[in-house]
């Protein structure tokens, strides 16, 4: 006999699907939901539909109507819609909404996880974040070609050891190391994260504010 889907399980599935805590960008890992269902004896199709429902509910909240204090107001509205949702799932859905509003410049896409005609959950890498390759693929591409996208937005992070410089381009973060821009992929850090949170010790700077000799 299978275990019924409950709020705790759906919250864990939302976190797993969005990859909350595993990277700076919202993921769409349908396989993680299927694996979670298998480990806990929950019908995978039921859990997938519940995650669909949670994401669809979050998508009804307009980020551009929430300023100021957008993050806390989004979370409050989401809790009103889904009072059973756990804190980490609320945080994951809130971050997702503001990431799409801040980087993609639009509304987040609809959920893409419920089983298709063949009974299998569609792989979300093609539905949730179509312009961002999986982590391993992106790193392999950098290693194979040696190319780095030209940074478009420059950031300065003030630390006790002095300023560090970053760049944001086409959804990717870079850090200036040894006079070169190298990929930067650290959880809750980097321009893609700071654009959402407004960290007080970070700021967008002009190209002329970078150290002399910094490449484009």
Protein backbone atom coordinates (compact mmCIF):
# COMPACT_ATOMS: atom_id res chain seq x y z
CA UNK A 1 0.00 0.00 0.00
CA UNK A 2 1.47 3.36 -1.00
CA UNK A 3 1.95 6.27 1.38
CA UNK A 4 -0.47 9.20 0.84
CA UNK A 5 0.97 12.48 -0.34
CA UNK A 6 0.98 15.08 2.45
CA UNK A 7 2.15 18.67 2.88
CA UNK A 8 5.57 17.72 4.21
CA UNK A 9 6.21 15.43 1.25
CA UNK A 10 5.03 17.98 -1.30
CA UNK A 11 7.22 20.65 0.29
CA UNK A 12 10.23 18.34 0.06
CA UNK A 13 9.34 17.61 -3.56
CA UNK A 14 9.10 21.32 -4.43
CA UNK A 15 12.56 21.88 -2.93
CA UNK A 16 13.95 18.88 -4.82
CA UNK A 17 12.36 19.92 -8.11
CA UNK A 18 13.66 23.49 -7.94
CA UNK A 19 17.08 22.43 -6.69
CA UNK A 20 16.82 24.82 -3.75
CA UNK A 21 20.15 24.73 -1.90
CA UNK A 22 22.02 23.09 -4.78
CA UNK A 23 22.75 26.10 -6.97
CA UNK A 24 22.10 29.79 -7.54
CA UNK A 25 19.47 29.27 -10.26
CA UNK A 26 16.07 27.59 -10.04
CA UNK A 27 16.27 24.12 -11.53
CA UNK A 28 13.51 21.86 -12.83
CA UNK A 29 14.50 18.38 -11.78
CA UNK A 30 11.56 16.08 -12.43
CA UNK A 31 13.75 13.05 -11.79
CA UNK A 32 14.46 14.27 -8.26
CA UNK A 33 10.72 14.24 -7.58
CA UNK A 34 10.37 10.74 -9.02
CA UNK A 35 13.30 9.54 -6.88
CA UNK A 36 11.77 11.11 -3.77
CA UNK A 37 8.46 9.40 -4.46
CA UNK A 38 10.19 6.05 -4.91
CA UNK A 39 12.17 6.38 -1.65
CA UNK A 40 9.05 7.14 0.38
CA UNK A 41 6.58 4.86 -1.34
CA UNK A 42 4.50 7.74 -2.69
CA UNK A 43 2.77 7.52 -6.10
CA UNK A 44 5.07 9.48 -8.41
CA UNK A 45 2.20 10.82 -10.50
CA UNK A 46 0.38 12.13 -7.41
CA UNK A 47 3.51 13.85 -6.10
CA UNK A 48 4.25 15.37 -9.51
CA UNK A 49 0.72 16.76 -9.75
CA UNK A 50 1.03 18.24 -6.26
CA UNK A 51 4.27 19.99 -7.22
CA UNK A 52 2.55 21.25 -10.38
CA UNK A 53 -0.23 22.67 -8.22
CA UNK A 54 2.20 24.46 -5.89
CA UNK A 55 4.14 26.02 -8.75
CA UNK A 56 0.97 27.03 -10.58
CA UNK A 57 -0.28 28.72 -7.39
CA UNK A 58 3.00 30.61 -7.00
CA UNK A 59 2.79 31.72 -10.63
CA UNK A 60 -0.47 33.55 -9.92
CA UNK A 61 1.38 36.05 -7.68
CA UNK A 62 2.67 39.05 -9.60
CA UNK A 63 6.12 40.10 -8.43
CA UNK A 64 5.79 43.60 -9.91
CA UNK A 65 2.83 44.32 -7.62
CA UNK A 66 4.70 43.60 -4.38
CA UNK A 67 7.24 46.41 -4.01
CA UNK A 68 8.49 47.36 -1.50
CA UNK A 69 9.47 44.31 0.61
CA UNK A 70 8.66 42.10 -2.32
CA UNK A 71 10.12 38.87 -0.95
CA UNK A 72 8.25 38.87 2.36
CA UNK A 73 4.99 39.93 0.70
CA UNK A 74 5.32 37.20 -1.92
CA UNK A 75 5.89 34.62 0.82
CA UNK A 76 2.85 35.86 2.75
CA UNK A 77 0.60 35.58 -0.29
CA UNK A 78 1.95 32.15 -1.08
CA UNK A 79 1.26 30.96 2.47
CA UNK A 80 -2.30 32.25 2.16
CA UNK A 81 -2.74 30.13 -0.98
CA UNK A 82 -0.88 27.06 0.33
CA UNK A 83 -0.93 27.17 4.15
CA UNK A 84 0.53 23.67 4.41
CA UNK A 85 3.72 24.60 2.55
CA UNK A 86 6.91 24.35 4.64
CA UNK A 87 9.35 27.25 5.03
CA UNK A 88 12.03 25.87 2.69
CA UNK A 89 9.49 25.30 -0.09
CA UNK A 90 8.14 28.84 0.36
CA UNK A 91 11.70 30.17 0.12
CA UNK A 92 12.39 28.09 -2.98
CA UNK A 93 9.27 29.31 -4.80
CA UNK A 94 9.87 32.91 -3.73
CA UNK A 95 13.45 32.82 -4.99
CA UNK A 96 12.28 31.28 -8.27
CA UNK A 97 9.74 34.04 -8.88
CA UNK A 98 12.20 36.86 -8.24
CA UNK A 99 14.96 35.16 -10.23
CA UNK A 100 12.76 35.06 -13.32
CA UNK A 101 11.59 38.63 -12.75
CA UNK A 102 15.15 39.88 -12.22
CA UNK A 103 17.08 37.89 -14.80
CA UNK A 104 14.61 36.68 -17.40
CA UNK A 105 12.62 39.90 -17.29
CA UNK A 106 9.27 38.17 -17.24
CA UNK A 107 6.97 35.77 -15.50
CA UNK A 108 8.14 32.29 -14.50
CA UNK A 109 7.11 29.47 -16.84
CA UNK A 110 4.30 27.07 -16.00
CA UNK A 111 5.16 23.79 -14.25
CA UNK A 112 6.40 21.03 -16.50
CA UNK A 113 6.53 17.93 -14.37
CA UNK A 114 3.23 15.99 -14.42
CA UNK A 115 3.42 12.66 -16.24
CA UNK A 116 2.99 12.79 -19.99
CA UNK A 117 1.12 10.37 -22.23
CA UNK A 118 3.75 7.68 -21.70
CA UNK A 119 3.32 7.86 -17.92
CA UNK A 120 6.77 9.31 -17.34
CA UNK A 121 7.49 12.74 -15.90
CA UNK A 122 8.87 14.99 -18.59
CA UNK A 123 12.46 15.95 -17.96
CA UNK A 124 12.24 19.49 -16.67
CA UNK A 125 15.53 20.73 -18.07
CA UNK A 126 13.61 21.38 -21.29
CA UNK A 127 10.67 23.09 -19.63
CA UNK A 128 11.65 25.18 -16.63
CA UNK A 129 14.96 26.81 -17.55
CA UNK A 130 15.36 26.44 -21.34
CA UNK A 131 18.20 28.94 -21.64
CA UNK A 132 20.43 27.48 -18.96
CA UNK A 133 22.32 24.28 -19.56
CA UNK A 134 22.80 21.84 -16.66
CA UNK A 135 25.80 22.56 -14.43
CA UNK A 136 27.96 19.72 -15.75
CA UNK A 137 27.26 20.61 -19.38
CA UNK A 138 28.09 24.26 -18.84
CA UNK A 139 31.41 23.44 -17.21
CA UNK A 140 32.24 20.93 -19.92
CA UNK A 141 31.53 23.54 -22.56
CA UNK A 142 33.88 26.03 -20.92
CA UNK A 143 36.60 23.39 -20.68
CA UNK A 144 36.16 22.26 -24.27
CA UNK A 145 36.11 25.67 -25.93
CA UNK A 146 38.04 27.84 -23.50
CA UNK A 147 35.54 30.60 -24.23
CA UNK A 148 33.84 32.83 -21.68
CA UNK A 149 30.78 34.91 -22.59
CA UNK A 150 31.55 38.62 -22.56
CA UNK A 151 30.42 40.07 -19.21
CA UNK A 152 27.76 42.74 -19.43
CA UNK A 153 27.17 43.76 -15.83
CA UNK A 154 30.00 44.32 -13.35
CA UNK A 155 29.79 43.99 -9.57
CA UNK A 156 32.03 44.84 -6.62
CA UNK A 157 31.81 42.88 -3.37
CA UNK A 158 33.42 44.60 -0.39
CA UNK A 159 35.07 42.16 2.05
CA UNK A 160 37.42 42.44 5.02
CA UNK A 161 40.25 41.42 2.68
CA UNK A 162 39.40 44.06 0.09
CA UNK A 163 37.06 44.27 -2.90
CA UNK A 164 36.34 41.34 -5.16
CA UNK A 165 34.98 41.85 -8.66
CA UNK A 166 32.31 39.87 -10.46
CA UNK A 167 30.47 39.92 -13.76
CA UNK A 168 27.02 38.75 -14.82
CA UNK A 169 26.33 37.75 -18.41
CA UNK A 170 23.50 35.78 -20.01
CA UNK A 171 22.51 34.20 -16.71
CA UNK A 172 26.07 33.22 -15.74
CA UNK A 173 28.25 34.51 -12.91
CA UNK A 174 31.98 35.17 -13.24
CA UNK A 175 34.67 36.21 -10.78
CA UNK A 176 37.87 38.09 -11.58
CA UNK A 177 40.82 35.89 -10.63
CA UNK A 178 44.38 36.38 -11.79
CA UNK A 179 43.27 39.06 -14.20
CA UNK A 180 40.83 36.73 -15.96
CA UNK A 181 37.07 36.15 -15.77
CA UNK A 182 36.37 32.60 -14.65
CA UNK A 183 32.98 30.90 -14.05
CA UNK A 184 31.64 31.31 -10.53
CA UNK A 185 28.99 28.95 -9.21
CA UNK A 186 28.55 29.26 -5.44
CA UNK A 187 25.24 28.82 -3.63
CA UNK A 188 23.75 32.10 -2.34
CA UNK A 189 26.62 34.12 -3.76
CA UNK A 190 27.45 35.98 -6.95
CA UNK A 191 25.59 38.58 -9.00
CA UNK A 192 22.69 36.29 -9.90
CA UNK A 193 21.95 35.93 -6.19
CA UNK A 194 22.69 39.55 -5.21
CA UNK A 195 20.31 40.83 -7.88
CA UNK A 196 17.54 39.11 -5.93
CA UNK A 197 18.59 39.90 -2.37
CA UNK A 198 20.12 43.37 -2.62
CA UNK A 199 23.15 42.60 -0.42
CA UNK A 200 24.39 45.76 1.29
CA UNK A 201 28.07 45.00 0.72
CA UNK A 202 27.70 44.59 -3.04
CA UNK A 203 27.11 47.11 -5.80
CA UNK A 204 26.97 47.36 -9.57
CA UNK A 205 29.95 49.29 -10.92
CA UNK A 206 31.03 50.74 -14.24
CA UNK A 207 33.64 49.15 -16.48
CA UNK A 208 35.98 51.99 -15.51
CA UNK A 209 35.79 50.98 -11.83
CA UNK A 210 37.42 47.60 -12.46
CA UNK A 211 41.14 47.07 -11.82
CA UNK A 212 43.37 48.29 -14.65
CA UNK A 213 43.91 45.71 -17.37
CA UNK A 214 40.72 43.78 -16.66
CA UNK A 215 39.52 42.10 -19.86
CA UNK A 216 36.01 42.68 -21.20
